[in-house]
Amino acid sequence: MSFGDGVHKSTDGGKSWRHLGLEKTRYITRVLVSPRDPQTVFVGAQGTIFGPSQERGVFVSRDGGEPGRRRSISTTGTAWPTST
């Protein structure tokens, strides 16, 4: 497993990309664009997977993917089960 540096966006079919942020989230698990409003984008992120993380949760942007704000999330525990 490896991690990236956040979310990027292309508006020209992939010829160029712009970094939008969320680099501390490390692991982006899903990006969803609302079928009702293409300007609303949801990003699911794991943050640091083996410990508590302030960067874990669902981020939402209502302006086409510009850096979003964290919505109701839990930052306790880990993203992956650990053996005891």
Protein backbone atom coordinates (compact mmCIF):
# COMPACT_ATOMS: atom_id res chain seq x y z
CA MET A 1 0.00 0.00 0.00
CA SER A 2 1.28 3.46 -0.83
CA PHE A 3 -0.08 6.94 -0.31
CA GLY A 4 -0.39 10.05 -2.44
CA ASP A 5 -0.40 13.79 -1.98
CA GLY A 6 -4.08 14.66 -2.05
CA VAL A 7 -6.61 15.53 -4.72
CA HIS A 8 -5.91 16.80 -8.24
CA LYS A 9 -8.31 18.14 -10.87
CA SER A 10 -8.19 18.36 -14.65
CA THR A 11 -10.55 20.51 -16.70
CA ASP A 12 -8.98 19.71 -20.08
CA GLY A 13 -9.38 15.95 -20.36
CA GLY A 14 -6.20 15.13 -18.44
CA LYS A 15 -3.71 17.27 -20.38
CA SER A 16 -2.93 19.28 -17.26
CA TRP A 17 -3.69 18.83 -13.55
CA ARG A 18 -4.05 21.22 -10.64
CA HIS A 19 -3.42 20.20 -7.03
CA LEU A 20 -6.44 21.04 -4.82
CA GLY A 21 -5.12 20.04 -1.39
CA LEU A 22 -5.94 17.36 1.18
CA GLU A 23 -2.34 16.15 1.06
CA LYS A 24 -2.36 15.20 4.75
CA THR A 25 -5.22 12.72 4.18
CA ARG A 26 -2.66 10.30 2.69
CA TYR A 27 -5.15 7.67 1.48
CA ILE A 28 -8.08 8.81 -0.69
CA THR A 29 -10.59 5.95 -0.78
CA ARG A 30 -13.28 7.44 -2.98
CA VAL A 31 -14.22 10.56 -4.93
CA LEU A 32 -17.88 11.06 -5.84
CA VAL A 33 -19.43 13.80 -7.95
CA SER A 34 -23.08 14.49 -7.25
CA PRO A 35 -25.32 13.43 -10.15
CA ARG A 36 -27.62 16.36 -9.31
CA ASP A 37 -24.94 19.03 -9.08
CA PRO A 38 -21.53 18.46 -10.72
CA GLN A 39 -20.10 21.26 -8.57
CA THR A 40 -20.64 19.13 -5.43
CA VAL A 41 -17.78 16.68 -4.83
CA PHE A 42 -17.32 14.26 -1.92
CA VAL A 43 -13.91 12.82 -0.98
CA GLY A 44 -13.53 9.89 1.42
CA ALA A 45 -10.14 9.78 3.12
CA GLN A 46 -8.55 7.40 5.62
CA GLY A 47 -5.81 9.60 7.02
CA THR A 48 -3.11 7.71 8.91
CA ILE A 49 -4.45 4.17 8.88
CA PHE A 50 -2.82 2.68 12.00
CA GLY A 51 -3.73 5.35 14.53
CA PRO A 52 -6.09 8.21 15.28
CA SER A 53 -6.19 10.80 12.51
CA GLN A 54 -7.65 14.28 12.23
CA GLU A 55 -7.52 13.84 8.44
CA ARG A 56 -9.93 10.90 8.33
CA GLY A 57 -13.48 11.31 7.07
CA VAL A 58 -15.60 12.74 4.33
CA PHE A 59 -14.70 16.09 2.82
CA VAL A 60 -17.20 18.01 0.70
CA SER A 61 -16.74 20.81 -1.80
CA ARG A 62 -19.65 22.68 -3.30
CA ASP A 63 -17.57 24.58 -5.84
CA GLY A 64 -16.26 21.92 -8.19
CA GLY A 65 -13.57 20.37 -6.04
CA GLU A 66 -11.88 23.35 -4.50
CA PRO A 67 -10.50 22.50 -1.07
CA GLY A 68 -13.42 21.26 1.01
CA ARG A 69 -14.30 21.15 4.64
CA ARG A 70 -14.51 18.10 6.86
CA ARG A 71 -18.00 16.85 7.63
CA SER A 72 -19.19 14.64 10.54
CA ILE A 73 -16.46 12.11 11.05
CA SER A 74 -14.92 9.98 13.77
CA THR A 75 -11.23 10.46 14.42
CA THR A 76 -10.88 7.85 17.14
CA GLY A 77 -9.39 4.44 16.59
CA THR A 78 -7.80 3.28 13.36
CA ALA A 79 -8.93 2.90 9.77
CA TRP A 80 -7.76 -0.74 9.76
CA PRO A 81 -8.51 -3.33 12.42
CA THR A 82 -5.42 -4.22 14.43
CA SER A 83 -4.81 -7.45 16.27
CA THR A 84 -4.64 -7.30 20.05
